[in-house]
Amino acid sequence: MRTLILGSSGGIGSALVRACSASGDEVFTLSRSENGLDVTREDSVIDCVSAIPDGLDRVINTVGILTTDGQDPERRMASIDPQVMARVFAVNALGSALVLKHVSPKLTPSGRSVFATLSARLASIGDNGLGGWTSYRASKAALNQIIRCAAIELSRKRKQSVVVGLHPGTVETDMTRKFARGRYTASADEAAAQLLAVLDGLGPADSGGFFDYDGKTIPF
């Protein structure tokens, strides 16, 4: 299997690289630190993706941000900073859209192909009973809509394609460590194994969906 991992230098990304390599995949990687990938710039995405061969069976995008410029997620509307919000949207929503735009043509045209990107339970509008973290929640909700649109479009030419958003849970990484607050956190390797198991169990009928690390559907 040919697998591309974007954000391969991050906690979950590097764990996915290890897991896929161990299972015998031919693994390709892209990240800011390794390749200069900047998902908010289309020229950067084009340049990095051009080095990846066609015929990919599986693409997993782990690129995303929770905080920027040293600022924690805002707890109330009065704390919204337009520049911070724009940056979070640029990476989490626009970035994934650009990745989908330029990577999806490299998916294998026949047979099953998978494109998965990390979303978050906090993106769920139906499951939001606390408020707060508006920029992050809204950017990931926008991402879920992008996923749904891409799934519909890809299914027209690639009947066996699967395009989904995945919630990895709270994972012990640099990005989330300070926000765990005593909740259970999986190691990056545990999270990678869980996510790959979920992907293995999904088919074309699940495309456009939003799933957690146990394979359960999360409401949009």
N, C-alpha and C. Protein backbone atom coordinates (compact mmCIF):
# COMPACT_ATOMS: atom_id res chain seq x y z
N MET A 1 0.83 -1.19 0.00
CA MET A 1 0.00 0.00 0.00
C MET A 1 0.88 1.25 0.00
N ARG A 2 0.52 2.21 -0.83
CA ARG A 2 1.22 3.49 -0.87
C ARG A 2 0.49 4.49 0.02
N THR A 3 1.19 5.00 1.02
CA THR A 3 0.57 5.89 2.00
C THR A 3 1.35 7.19 2.08
N LEU A 4 0.62 8.31 2.08
CA LEU A 4 1.21 9.62 2.27
C LEU A 4 0.74 10.17 3.61
N ILE A 5 1.68 10.60 4.45
CA ILE A 5 1.37 11.24 5.73
C ILE A 5 1.81 12.69 5.66
N LEU A 6 0.87 13.61 5.83
CA LEU A 6 1.20 15.03 5.90
C LEU A 6 1.23 15.45 7.37
N GLY A 7 2.22 16.28 7.71
CA GLY A 7 2.44 16.60 9.12
C GLY A 7 3.21 15.49 9.80
N SER A 8 4.09 14.88 9.05
CA SER A 8 4.77 13.66 9.50
C SER A 8 5.78 13.89 10.61
N SER A 9 6.12 15.14 10.91
CA SER A 9 7.08 15.38 11.98
C SER A 9 6.40 15.63 13.32
N GLY A 10 5.06 15.73 13.32
CA GLY A 10 4.32 15.95 14.56
C GLY A 10 4.14 14.67 15.35
N GLY A 11 3.51 14.79 16.50
CA GLY A 11 3.34 13.64 17.38
C GLY A 11 2.55 12.51 16.74
N ILE A 12 1.33 12.80 16.30
CA ILE A 12 0.50 11.77 15.67
C ILE A 12 1.05 11.41 14.30
N GLY A 13 1.50 12.40 13.56
CA GLY A 13 2.03 12.14 12.22
C GLY A 13 3.20 11.18 12.24
N SER A 14 4.16 11.41 13.13
CA SER A 14 5.33 10.54 13.19
C SER A 14 4.94 9.14 13.66
N ALA A 15 3.95 9.04 14.55
CA ALA A 15 3.48 7.73 15.00
C ALA A 15 2.81 6.98 13.86
N LEU A 16 2.07 7.69 13.01
CA LEU A 16 1.45 7.06 11.84
C LEU A 16 2.51 6.57 10.86
N VAL A 17 3.56 7.34 10.69
CA VAL A 17 4.66 6.91 9.81
C VAL A 17 5.25 5.60 10.34
N ARG A 18 5.50 5.53 11.62
CA ARG A 18 6.06 4.30 12.21
C ARG A 18 5.12 3.12 12.01
N ALA A 19 3.84 3.33 12.28
CA ALA A 19 2.88 2.24 12.18
C ALA A 19 2.71 1.76 10.74
N CYS A 20 2.61 2.68 9.81
CA CYS A 20 2.43 2.30 8.41
C CYS A 20 3.68 1.63 7.86
N SER A 21 4.84 2.11 8.24
CA SER A 21 6.10 1.50 7.80
C SER A 21 6.22 0.09 8.34
N ALA A 22 5.83 -0.09 9.61
CA ALA A 22 5.92 -1.41 10.24
C ALA A 22 4.99 -2.42 9.57
N SER A 23 3.88 -1.93 9.00
CA SER A 23 2.94 -2.84 8.35
C SER A 23 3.31 -3.13 6.90
N GLY A 24 4.42 -2.54 6.44
CA GLY A 24 4.90 -2.82 5.10
C GLY A 24 4.48 -1.83 4.03
N ASP A 25 3.84 -0.72 4.44
CA ASP A 25 3.45 0.30 3.45
C ASP A 25 4.69 0.96 2.84
N GLU A 26 4.53 1.43 1.62
CA GLU A 26 5.49 2.35 1.03
C GLU A 26 5.05 3.74 1.47
N VAL A 27 5.80 4.35 2.38
CA VAL A 27 5.34 5.57 3.03
C VAL A 27 6.07 6.80 2.48
N PHE A 28 5.29 7.82 2.16
CA PHE A 28 5.81 9.12 1.74
C PHE A 28 5.41 10.14 2.80
N THR A 29 6.27 11.12 3.04
CA THR A 29 6.01 12.08 4.11
C THR A 29 6.19 13.51 3.63
N LEU A 30 5.39 14.40 4.20
CA LEU A 30 5.51 15.83 3.96
C LEU A 30 5.29 16.57 5.28
N SER A 31 6.12 17.56 5.55
CA SER A 31 5.94 18.37 6.75
C SER A 31 6.67 19.69 6.57
N ARG A 32 6.37 20.62 7.46
CA ARG A 32 7.05 21.91 7.40
C ARG A 32 8.54 21.75 7.66
N SER A 33 8.90 20.97 8.69
CA SER A 33 10.31 20.86 9.07
C SER A 33 11.12 20.05 8.07
N GLU A 34 10.52 19.08 7.42
CA GLU A 34 11.25 18.21 6.50
C GLU A 34 11.26 18.75 5.07
N ASN A 35 10.13 19.33 4.64
CA ASN A 35 9.99 19.72 3.23
C ASN A 35 9.63 21.18 3.03
N GLY A 36 9.46 21.93 4.12
CA GLY A 36 9.04 23.31 3.99
C GLY A 36 7.58 23.47 3.64
N LEU A 37 6.77 22.43 3.89
CA LEU A 37 5.36 22.48 3.55
C LEU A 37 4.63 23.54 4.37
N ASP A 38 3.96 24.45 3.68
CA ASP A 38 3.11 25.45 4.31
C ASP A 38 1.74 25.31 3.67
N VAL A 39 0.81 24.68 4.38
CA VAL A 39 -0.48 24.37 3.78
C VAL A 39 -1.33 25.60 3.52
N THR A 40 -0.93 26.76 4.03
CA THR A 40 -1.69 27.99 3.79
C THR A 40 -1.27 28.67 2.50
N ARG A 41 -0.22 28.17 1.85
CA ARG A 41 0.27 28.74 0.60
C ARG A 41 0.14 27.70 -0.50
N GLU A 42 -0.64 28.03 -1.51
CA GLU A 42 -0.89 27.05 -2.57
C GLU A 42 0.39 26.70 -3.32
N ASP A 43 1.29 27.66 -3.52
CA ASP A 43 2.52 27.34 -4.23
C ASP A 43 3.36 26.32 -3.46
N SER A 44 3.35 26.41 -2.14
CA SER A 44 4.09 25.46 -1.31
C SER A 44 3.47 24.07 -1.41
N VAL A 45 2.14 24.01 -1.36
CA VAL A 45 1.46 22.71 -1.47
C VAL A 45 1.75 22.08 -2.82
N ILE A 46 1.65 22.87 -3.88
CA ILE A 46 1.92 22.34 -5.23
C ILE A 46 3.35 21.83 -5.33
N ASP A 47 4.28 22.60 -4.85
CA ASP A 47 5.69 22.22 -4.94
C ASP A 47 5.96 20.92 -4.18
N CYS A 48 5.43 20.81 -2.97
CA CYS A 48 5.70 19.61 -2.16
C CYS A 48 4.99 18.38 -2.73
N VAL A 49 3.74 18.56 -3.14
CA VAL A 49 2.96 17.43 -3.63
C VAL A 49 3.48 16.92 -4.98
N SER A 50 4.09 17.81 -5.75
CA SER A 50 4.60 17.40 -7.07
C SER A 50 5.67 16.31 -6.96
N ALA A 51 6.32 16.21 -5.81
CA ALA A 51 7.37 15.21 -5.63
C ALA A 51 6.80 13.84 -5.23
N ILE A 52 5.50 13.77 -4.97
CA ILE A 52 4.86 12.53 -4.55
C ILE A 52 4.31 11.80 -5.76
N PRO A 53 4.56 10.50 -5.89
CA PRO A 53 4.07 9.77 -7.06
C PRO A 53 2.56 9.59 -7.06
N ASP A 54 2.02 9.31 -8.23
CA ASP A 54 0.60 8.99 -8.35
C ASP A 54 0.34 7.59 -7.80
N GLY A 55 -0.93 7.24 -7.72
CA GLY A 55 -1.30 5.89 -7.29
C GLY A 55 -1.29 5.70 -5.79
N LEU A 56 -1.61 6.77 -5.05
CA LEU A 56 -1.66 6.65 -3.59
C LEU A 56 -2.91 5.89 -3.18
N ASP A 57 -2.75 4.97 -2.23
CA ASP A 57 -3.89 4.22 -1.70
C ASP A 57 -4.48 4.89 -0.46
N ARG A 58 -3.62 5.62 0.25
CA ARG A 58 -4.09 6.21 1.51
C ARG A 58 -3.33 7.50 1.78
N VAL A 59 -4.07 8.54 2.13
CA VAL A 59 -3.48 9.83 2.52
C VAL A 59 -4.06 10.20 3.88
N ILE A 60 -3.20 10.57 4.81
CA ILE A 60 -3.66 11.01 6.13
C ILE A 60 -3.03 12.36 6.41
N ASN A 61 -3.88 13.36 6.56
CA ASN A 61 -3.42 14.72 6.83
C ASN A 61 -3.55 15.02 8.32
N THR A 62 -2.42 15.24 8.98
CA THR A 62 -2.44 15.52 10.42
C THR A 62 -2.10 16.98 10.72
N VAL A 63 -1.96 17.80 9.68
CA VAL A 63 -1.58 19.20 9.87
C VAL A 63 -2.74 19.97 10.51
N GLY A 64 -2.45 20.70 11.56
CA GLY A 64 -3.47 21.51 12.20
C GLY A 64 -2.87 22.27 13.37
N ILE A 65 -3.56 23.31 13.82
CA ILE A 65 -3.10 24.05 14.98
C ILE A 65 -4.26 24.28 15.95
N LEU A 66 -3.92 24.34 17.22
CA LEU A 66 -4.88 24.63 18.27
C LEU A 66 -4.68 26.05 18.78
N THR A 67 -3.43 26.44 18.88
CA THR A 67 -3.09 27.79 19.34
C THR A 67 -2.12 28.43 18.35
N THR A 68 -2.01 29.73 18.42
CA THR A 68 -1.07 30.44 17.57
C THR A 68 -0.59 31.70 18.28
N ASP A 69 0.62 32.08 17.99
CA ASP A 69 1.22 33.28 18.59
C ASP A 69 1.20 33.23 20.11
N GLY A 70 1.30 32.02 20.65
CA GLY A 70 1.37 31.88 22.10
C GLY A 70 0.07 32.11 22.83
N GLN A 71 -1.03 32.26 22.12
CA GLN A 71 -2.32 32.51 22.76
C GLN A 71 -3.13 31.24 22.90
N ASP A 72 -3.68 31.01 24.08
CA ASP A 72 -4.55 29.86 24.29
C ASP A 72 -5.88 30.08 23.57
N PRO A 73 -6.63 29.01 23.32
CA PRO A 73 -7.96 29.17 22.72
C PRO A 73 -8.82 30.10 23.57
N GLU A 74 -9.58 30.96 22.90
CA GLU A 74 -10.38 31.93 23.63
C GLU A 74 -11.54 31.24 24.36
N ARG A 75 -11.82 31.68 25.55
CA ARG A 75 -12.87 31.08 26.37
C ARG A 75 -14.22 31.78 26.19
N ARG A 76 -14.21 33.00 25.63
CA ARG A 76 -15.45 33.73 25.44
C ARG A 76 -15.34 34.61 24.20
N MET A 77 -16.47 35.03 23.69
CA MET A 77 -16.51 35.79 22.45
C MET A 77 -15.71 37.09 22.55
N ALA A 78 -15.72 37.69 23.74
CA ALA A 78 -15.02 38.96 23.92
C ALA A 78 -13.52 38.83 23.72
N SER A 79 -13.01 37.61 23.77
CA SER A 79 -11.56 37.39 23.64
C SER A 79 -11.13 37.09 22.21
N ILE A 80 -12.06 37.07 21.28
CA ILE A 80 -11.70 36.74 19.90
C ILE A 80 -10.77 37.79 19.33
N ASP A 81 -9.67 37.30 18.76
CA ASP A 81 -8.69 38.14 18.07
C ASP A 81 -8.80 37.81 16.58
N PRO A 82 -9.17 38.76 15.74
CA PRO A 82 -9.39 38.44 14.32
C PRO A 82 -8.16 37.87 13.62
N GLN A 83 -6.98 38.33 13.99
CA GLN A 83 -5.77 37.81 13.35
C GLN A 83 -5.52 36.37 13.76
N VAL A 84 -5.74 36.07 15.03
CA VAL A 84 -5.57 34.69 15.50
C VAL A 84 -6.60 33.78 14.85
N MET A 85 -7.84 34.24 14.80
CA MET A 85 -8.89 33.42 14.18
C MET A 85 -8.57 33.16 12.71
N ALA A 86 -8.12 34.18 12.00
CA ALA A 86 -7.79 34.01 10.59
C ALA A 86 -6.67 33.00 10.40
N ARG A 87 -5.67 33.02 11.29
CA ARG A 87 -4.56 32.07 11.20
C ARG A 87 -5.03 30.64 11.46
N VAL A 88 -5.89 30.46 12.46
CA VAL A 88 -6.39 29.12 12.79
C VAL A 88 -7.22 28.58 11.61
N PHE A 89 -8.05 29.44 11.02
CA PHE A 89 -8.83 29.03 9.85
C PHE A 89 -7.91 28.72 8.67
N ALA A 90 -6.87 29.51 8.50
CA ALA A 90 -5.97 29.32 7.35
C ALA A 90 -5.32 27.95 7.39
N VAL A 91 -4.91 27.52 8.57
CA VAL A 91 -4.25 26.22 8.68
C VAL A 91 -5.26 25.08 8.68
N ASN A 92 -6.27 25.16 9.54
CA ASN A 92 -7.17 24.03 9.75
C ASN A 92 -8.18 23.82 8.62
N ALA A 93 -8.67 24.90 8.04
CA ALA A 93 -9.70 24.77 7.00
C ALA A 93 -9.12 24.98 5.60
N LEU A 94 -8.59 26.16 5.34
CA LEU A 94 -8.01 26.43 4.02
C LEU A 94 -6.89 25.44 3.70
N GLY A 95 -6.04 25.17 4.67
CA GLY A 95 -4.92 24.26 4.43
C GLY A 95 -5.38 22.90 3.98
N SER A 96 -6.39 22.37 4.64
CA SER A 96 -6.89 21.05 4.26
C SER A 96 -7.55 21.08 2.89
N ALA A 97 -8.22 22.20 2.58
CA ALA A 97 -8.83 22.32 1.26
C ALA A 97 -7.77 22.30 0.16
N LEU A 98 -6.67 23.00 0.38
CA LEU A 98 -5.60 23.03 -0.61
C LEU A 98 -4.94 21.66 -0.74
N VAL A 99 -4.77 20.98 0.39
CA VAL A 99 -4.21 19.63 0.34
C VAL A 99 -5.12 18.71 -0.47
N LEU A 100 -6.41 18.76 -0.18
CA LEU A 100 -7.36 17.93 -0.93
C LEU A 100 -7.33 18.27 -2.42
N LYS A 101 -7.27 19.54 -2.74
CA LYS A 101 -7.27 19.97 -4.13
C LYS A 101 -6.12 19.36 -4.91
N HIS A 102 -4.94 19.33 -4.29
CA HIS A 102 -3.75 18.92 -5.04
C HIS A 102 -3.31 17.48 -4.79
N VAL A 103 -3.78 16.87 -3.72
CA VAL A 103 -3.40 15.48 -3.45
C VAL A 103 -4.42 14.50 -4.00
N SER A 104 -5.69 14.87 -3.99
CA SER A 104 -6.71 13.91 -4.42
C SER A 104 -6.49 13.38 -5.85
N PRO A 105 -5.97 14.18 -6.80
CA PRO A 105 -5.71 13.61 -8.13
C PRO A 105 -4.66 12.50 -8.12
N LYS A 106 -3.89 12.41 -7.04
CA LYS A 106 -2.85 11.39 -6.95
C LYS A 106 -3.35 10.09 -6.33
N LEU A 107 -4.61 10.08 -5.88
CA LEU A 107 -5.18 8.84 -5.37
C LEU A 107 -5.37 7.84 -6.50
N THR A 108 -5.22 6.58 -6.19
CA THR A 108 -5.39 5.55 -7.21
C THR A 108 -6.79 5.66 -7.82
N PRO A 109 -6.90 5.66 -9.14
CA PRO A 109 -8.19 5.87 -9.79
C PRO A 109 -9.11 4.67 -9.74
N SER A 110 -8.55 3.50 -9.48
CA SER A 110 -9.36 2.28 -9.42
C SER A 110 -9.07 1.57 -8.10
N GLY A 111 -10.08 0.93 -7.56
CA GLY A 111 -9.90 0.28 -6.27
C GLY A 111 -10.10 1.27 -5.13
N ARG A 112 -10.00 0.77 -3.92
CA ARG A 112 -10.26 1.57 -2.73
C ARG A 112 -9.13 2.57 -2.48
N SER A 113 -9.50 3.81 -2.21
CA SER A 113 -8.53 4.82 -1.82
C SER A 113 -9.11 5.59 -0.64
N VAL A 114 -8.23 6.05 0.23
CA VAL A 114 -8.67 6.71 1.46
C VAL A 114 -7.97 8.06 1.61
N PHE A 115 -8.74 9.09 1.92
CA PHE A 115 -8.19 10.38 2.33
C PHE A 115 -8.81 10.71 3.67
N ALA A 116 -7.97 10.82 4.69
CA ALA A 116 -8.46 11.15 6.04
C ALA A 116 -7.71 12.36 6.56
N THR A 117 -8.42 13.20 7.27
CA THR A 117 -7.77 14.35 7.89
C THR A 117 -8.25 14.46 9.33
N LEU A 118 -7.38 14.92 10.20
CA LEU A 118 -7.73 15.01 11.61
C LEU A 118 -8.65 16.21 11.85
N SER A 119 -9.82 15.92 12.36
CA SER A 119 -10.74 16.94 12.80
C SER A 119 -10.73 16.91 14.33
N ALA A 120 -11.83 17.22 14.98
CA ALA A 120 -11.89 17.20 16.44
C ALA A 120 -13.34 17.16 16.87
N ARG A 121 -13.61 16.48 17.97
CA ARG A 121 -14.98 16.44 18.49
C ARG A 121 -15.51 17.85 18.76
N LEU A 122 -14.60 18.76 19.10
CA LEU A 122 -15.01 20.14 19.36
C LEU A 122 -15.61 20.81 18.13
N ALA A 123 -15.43 20.20 16.95
CA ALA A 123 -16.03 20.75 15.73
C ALA A 123 -17.52 20.50 15.67
N SER A 124 -18.00 19.54 16.44
CA SER A 124 -19.40 19.14 16.36
C SER A 124 -20.31 20.25 16.89
N ILE A 125 -21.20 20.74 16.05
CA ILE A 125 -22.19 21.73 16.48
C ILE A 125 -23.24 21.05 17.36
N GLY A 126 -23.63 19.85 16.97
CA GLY A 126 -24.65 19.13 17.73
C GLY A 126 -24.19 18.68 19.10
N ASP A 127 -22.87 18.56 19.28
CA ASP A 127 -22.33 18.06 20.54
C ASP A 127 -21.75 19.19 21.40
N ASN A 128 -21.97 20.42 20.99
CA ASN A 128 -21.38 21.56 21.69
C ASN A 128 -22.32 22.06 22.78
N GLY A 129 -22.00 21.73 24.03
CA GLY A 129 -22.80 22.19 25.15
C GLY A 129 -22.06 23.12 26.07
N LEU A 130 -20.82 23.48 25.70
CA LEU A 130 -19.99 24.30 26.58
C LEU A 130 -19.62 25.66 26.01
N GLY A 131 -19.56 25.78 24.70
CA GLY A 131 -19.11 27.02 24.08
C GLY A 131 -17.61 27.20 24.25
N GLY A 132 -17.13 28.38 23.94
CA GLY A 132 -15.70 28.65 24.05
C GLY A 132 -14.91 28.03 22.91
N TRP A 133 -13.63 28.37 22.86
CA TRP A 133 -12.71 27.85 21.84
C TRP A 133 -13.30 28.08 20.44
N THR A 134 -13.87 29.25 20.24
CA THR A 134 -14.64 29.51 19.02
C THR A 134 -13.83 29.36 17.75
N SER A 135 -12.63 29.90 17.72
CA SER A 135 -11.82 29.84 16.49
C SER A 135 -11.51 28.40 16.12
N TYR A 136 -11.09 27.62 17.10
CA TYR A 136 -10.74 26.23 16.83
C TYR A 136 -11.97 25.43 16.43
N ARG A 137 -13.04 25.56 17.21
CA ARG A 137 -14.27 24.83 16.89
C ARG A 137 -14.76 25.16 15.48
N ALA A 138 -14.82 26.46 15.18
CA ALA A 138 -15.37 26.89 13.89
C ALA A 138 -14.48 26.47 12.73
N SER A 139 -13.16 26.51 12.92
CA SER A 139 -12.25 26.11 11.84
C SER A 139 -12.39 24.62 11.53
N LYS A 140 -12.57 23.82 12.57
CA LYS A 140 -12.72 22.38 12.35
C LYS A 140 -14.12 22.05 11.82
N ALA A 141 -15.12 22.83 12.19
CA ALA A 141 -16.45 22.64 11.60
C ALA A 141 -16.41 22.95 10.11
N ALA A 142 -15.69 24.01 9.75
CA ALA A 142 -15.50 24.33 8.32
C ALA A 142 -14.77 23.19 7.62
N LEU A 143 -13.78 22.63 8.28
CA LEU A 143 -13.05 21.50 7.73
C LEU A 143 -14.00 20.34 7.44
N ASN A 144 -14.92 20.07 8.35
CA ASN A 144 -15.86 18.96 8.14
C ASN A 144 -16.72 19.18 6.90
N GLN A 145 -17.10 20.43 6.64
CA GLN A 145 -17.87 20.72 5.42
C GLN A 145 -17.01 20.50 4.17
N ILE A 146 -15.75 20.89 4.25
CA ILE A 146 -14.82 20.66 3.14
C ILE A 146 -14.70 19.16 2.86
N ILE A 147 -14.59 18.38 3.92
CA ILE A 147 -14.49 16.92 3.77
C ILE A 147 -15.73 16.37 3.07
N ARG A 148 -16.91 16.83 3.51
CA ARG A 148 -18.15 16.34 2.92
C ARG A 148 -18.23 16.69 1.43
N CYS A 149 -17.89 17.91 1.08
CA CYS A 149 -17.91 18.32 -0.33
C CYS A 149 -16.93 17.49 -1.16
N ALA A 150 -15.73 17.29 -0.63
CA ALA A 150 -14.72 16.52 -1.37
C ALA A 150 -15.17 15.08 -1.55
N ALA A 151 -15.80 14.52 -0.53
CA ALA A 151 -16.27 13.13 -0.62
C ALA A 151 -17.28 12.96 -1.75
N ILE A 152 -18.21 13.90 -1.85
CA ILE A 152 -19.22 13.84 -2.90
C ILE A 152 -18.58 13.95 -4.28
N GLU A 153 -17.67 14.90 -4.41
CA GLU A 153 -17.03 15.12 -5.70
C GLU A 153 -16.17 13.93 -6.12
N LEU A 154 -15.37 13.42 -5.19
CA LEU A 154 -14.48 12.30 -5.54
C LEU A 154 -15.25 11.03 -5.90
N SER A 155 -16.40 10.84 -5.27
CA SER A 155 -17.17 9.62 -5.52
C SER A 155 -17.66 9.52 -6.96
N ARG A 156 -17.70 10.63 -7.65
CA ARG A 156 -18.19 10.61 -9.03
C ARG A 156 -17.21 9.95 -9.99
N LYS A 157 -15.92 10.06 -9.70
CA LYS A 157 -14.91 9.46 -10.57
C LYS A 157 -14.20 8.28 -9.90
N ARG A 158 -14.11 8.33 -8.58
CA ARG A 158 -13.46 7.25 -7.83
C ARG A 158 -14.50 6.60 -6.94
N LYS A 159 -15.19 5.62 -7.47
CA LYS A 159 -16.34 5.03 -6.79
C LYS A 159 -15.98 4.38 -5.47
N GLN A 160 -14.74 3.96 -5.32
CA GLN A 160 -14.32 3.28 -4.10
C GLN A 160 -13.56 4.20 -3.14
N SER A 161 -13.66 5.50 -3.37
CA SER A 161 -12.94 6.43 -2.50
C SER A 161 -13.64 6.60 -1.16
N VAL A 162 -12.83 6.89 -0.14
CA VAL A 162 -13.32 7.14 1.21
C VAL A 162 -12.65 8.42 1.69
N VAL A 163 -13.44 9.44 1.97
CA VAL A 163 -12.92 10.72 2.45
C VAL A 163 -13.60 11.01 3.80
N VAL A 164 -12.82 11.09 4.86
CA VAL A 164 -13.41 11.22 6.19
C VAL A 164 -12.61 12.15 7.09
N GLY A 165 -13.29 12.64 8.13
CA GLY A 165 -12.63 13.35 9.21
C GLY A 165 -12.53 12.43 10.41
N LEU A 166 -11.44 12.53 11.14
CA LEU A 166 -11.20 11.65 12.28
C LEU A 166 -10.92 12.47 13.54
N HIS A 167 -11.56 12.08 14.63
CA HIS A 167 -11.25 12.66 15.95
C HIS A 167 -10.34 11.68 16.68
N PRO A 168 -9.09 12.07 16.94
CA PRO A 168 -8.14 11.12 17.55
C PRO A 168 -8.26 11.00 19.06
N GLY A 169 -9.12 11.81 19.68
CA GLY A 169 -9.17 11.85 21.14
C GLY A 169 -8.08 12.77 21.66
N THR A 170 -7.92 12.79 22.97
CA THR A 170 -6.87 13.60 23.58
C THR A 170 -5.59 12.78 23.58
N VAL A 171 -4.63 13.24 22.83
CA VAL A 171 -3.40 12.48 22.62
C VAL A 171 -2.24 13.20 23.30
N GLU A 172 -1.33 12.45 23.84
CA GLU A 172 -0.18 13.02 24.54
C GLU A 172 0.81 13.56 23.52
N THR A 173 0.57 14.81 23.11
CA THR A 173 1.46 15.49 22.17
C THR A 173 1.74 16.89 22.70
N ASP A 174 2.71 17.55 22.09
CA ASP A 174 3.04 18.91 22.50
C ASP A 174 1.85 19.85 22.34
N MET A 175 1.02 19.60 21.33
CA MET A 175 -0.09 20.50 21.03
C MET A 175 -1.16 20.46 22.12
N THR A 176 -1.40 19.28 22.69
CA THR A 176 -2.55 19.12 23.58
C THR A 176 -2.19 18.92 25.05
N ARG A 177 -0.93 18.73 25.35
CA ARG A 177 -0.55 18.32 26.70
C ARG A 177 -1.11 19.25 27.78
N LYS A 178 -1.00 20.55 27.60
CA LYS A 178 -1.40 21.49 28.65
C LYS A 178 -2.91 21.57 28.83
N PHE A 179 -3.67 21.00 27.87
CA PHE A 179 -5.12 21.09 27.95
C PHE A 179 -5.78 19.79 28.43
N ALA A 180 -4.99 18.77 28.73
CA ALA A 180 -5.56 17.47 29.11
C ALA A 180 -6.34 17.56 30.41
N ARG A 181 -5.79 18.27 31.40
CA ARG A 181 -6.46 18.49 32.69
C ARG A 181 -6.98 17.20 33.32
N GLY A 182 -6.12 16.22 33.39
CA GLY A 182 -6.46 14.99 34.08
C GLY A 182 -7.25 13.99 33.26
N ARG A 183 -7.70 14.37 32.05
CA ARG A 183 -8.43 13.41 31.22
C ARG A 183 -7.48 12.34 30.71
N TYR A 184 -8.05 11.20 30.35
CA TYR A 184 -7.25 10.12 29.76
C TYR A 184 -6.62 10.61 28.48
N THR A 185 -5.35 10.37 28.32
CA THR A 185 -4.67 10.68 27.08
C THR A 185 -3.99 9.43 26.54
N ALA A 186 -4.18 9.17 25.28
CA ALA A 186 -3.50 8.05 24.64
C ALA A 186 -2.13 8.51 24.18
N SER A 187 -1.20 7.59 24.11
CA SER A 187 0.09 7.93 23.52
C SER A 187 -0.11 8.11 22.03
N ALA A 188 0.83 8.77 21.38
CA ALA A 188 0.72 8.98 19.94
C ALA A 188 0.69 7.65 19.20
N ASP A 189 1.46 6.67 19.66
CA ASP A 189 1.46 5.36 19.01
C ASP A 189 0.13 4.64 19.18
N GLU A 190 -0.47 4.77 20.37
CA GLU A 190 -1.80 4.18 20.58
C GLU A 190 -2.83 4.84 19.68
N ALA A 191 -2.77 6.16 19.60
CA ALA A 191 -3.71 6.90 18.75
C ALA A 191 -3.57 6.50 17.29
N ALA A 192 -2.34 6.36 16.82
CA ALA A 192 -2.10 5.97 15.43
C ALA A 192 -2.71 4.61 15.14
N ALA A 193 -2.51 3.66 16.05
CA ALA A 193 -3.07 2.32 15.86
C ALA A 193 -4.59 2.37 15.82
N GLN A 194 -5.18 3.17 16.69
CA GLN A 194 -6.64 3.29 16.72
C GLN A 194 -7.17 3.90 15.42
N LEU A 195 -6.53 4.95 14.95
CA LEU A 195 -6.99 5.62 13.74
C LEU A 195 -6.87 4.72 12.51
N LEU A 196 -5.78 4.00 12.42
CA LEU A 196 -5.60 3.10 11.28
C LEU A 196 -6.63 1.97 11.31
N ALA A 197 -6.96 1.50 12.51
CA ALA A 197 -7.98 0.46 12.64
C ALA A 197 -9.34 0.98 12.18
N VAL A 198 -9.65 2.22 12.53
CA VAL A 198 -10.91 2.83 12.07
C VAL A 198 -10.93 2.92 10.55
N LEU A 199 -9.86 3.41 9.96
CA LEU A 199 -9.81 3.54 8.51
C LEU A 199 -9.95 2.20 7.81
N ASP A 200 -9.36 1.17 8.37
CA ASP A 200 -9.45 -0.17 7.77
C ASP A 200 -10.90 -0.66 7.72
N GLY A 201 -11.73 -0.15 8.64
CA GLY A 201 -13.11 -0.63 8.71
C GLY A 201 -14.12 0.21 7.93
N LEU A 202 -13.66 1.27 7.27
CA LEU A 202 -14.57 2.15 6.55
C LEU A 202 -14.61 1.84 5.05
N GLY A 203 -15.78 2.04 4.46
CA GLY A 203 -15.94 1.83 3.03
C GLY A 203 -16.55 3.04 2.36
N PRO A 204 -16.79 2.96 1.06
CA PRO A 204 -17.34 4.10 0.32
C PRO A 204 -18.64 4.65 0.91
N ALA A 205 -19.45 3.81 1.51
CA ALA A 205 -20.71 4.27 2.10
C ALA A 205 -20.47 5.20 3.29
N ASP A 206 -19.27 5.14 3.86
CA ASP A 206 -18.93 5.99 5.01
C ASP A 206 -18.29 7.30 4.60
N SER A 207 -18.02 7.46 3.31
CA SER A 207 -17.30 8.63 2.84
C SER A 207 -18.09 9.90 3.14
N GLY A 208 -17.37 10.93 3.57
CA GLY A 208 -18.00 12.18 3.98
C GLY A 208 -18.35 12.23 5.44
N GLY A 209 -18.04 11.15 6.16
CA GLY A 209 -18.39 11.05 7.57
C GLY A 209 -17.35 11.60 8.52
N PHE A 210 -17.70 11.58 9.79
CA PHE A 210 -16.90 12.16 10.88
C PHE A 210 -16.90 11.12 12.00
N PHE A 211 -15.72 10.55 12.27
CA PHE A 211 -15.63 9.40 13.16
C PHE A 211 -14.61 9.63 14.26
N ASP A 212 -14.87 9.00 15.43
CA ASP A 212 -13.90 9.10 16.51
C ASP A 212 -12.96 7.90 16.47
N TYR A 213 -12.03 7.87 17.41
CA TYR A 213 -10.99 6.84 17.43
C TYR A 213 -11.53 5.44 17.70
N ASP A 214 -12.79 5.32 18.12
CA ASP A 214 -13.43 4.02 18.30
C ASP A 214 -14.28 3.63 17.10
N GLY A 215 -14.28 4.48 16.08
CA GLY A 215 -15.08 4.21 14.89
C GLY A 215 -16.52 4.65 15.01
N LYS A 216 -16.87 5.38 16.07
CA LYS A 216 -18.23 5.85 16.27
C LYS A 216 -18.45 7.16 15.52
N THR A 217 -19.64 7.31 14.94
CA THR A 217 -19.98 8.52 14.21
C THR A 217 -20.18 9.67 15.18
N ILE A 218 -19.61 10.83 14.85
CA ILE A 218 -19.80 12.04 15.63
C ILE A 218 -20.77 12.93 14.88
N PRO A 219 -21.78 13.49 15.55
CA PRO A 219 -22.72 14.37 14.84
C PRO A 219 -22.03 15.65 14.36
N PHE A 220 -22.43 16.10 13.18
CA PHE A 220 -21.89 17.35 12.67
C PHE A 220 -22.45 18.53 13.46
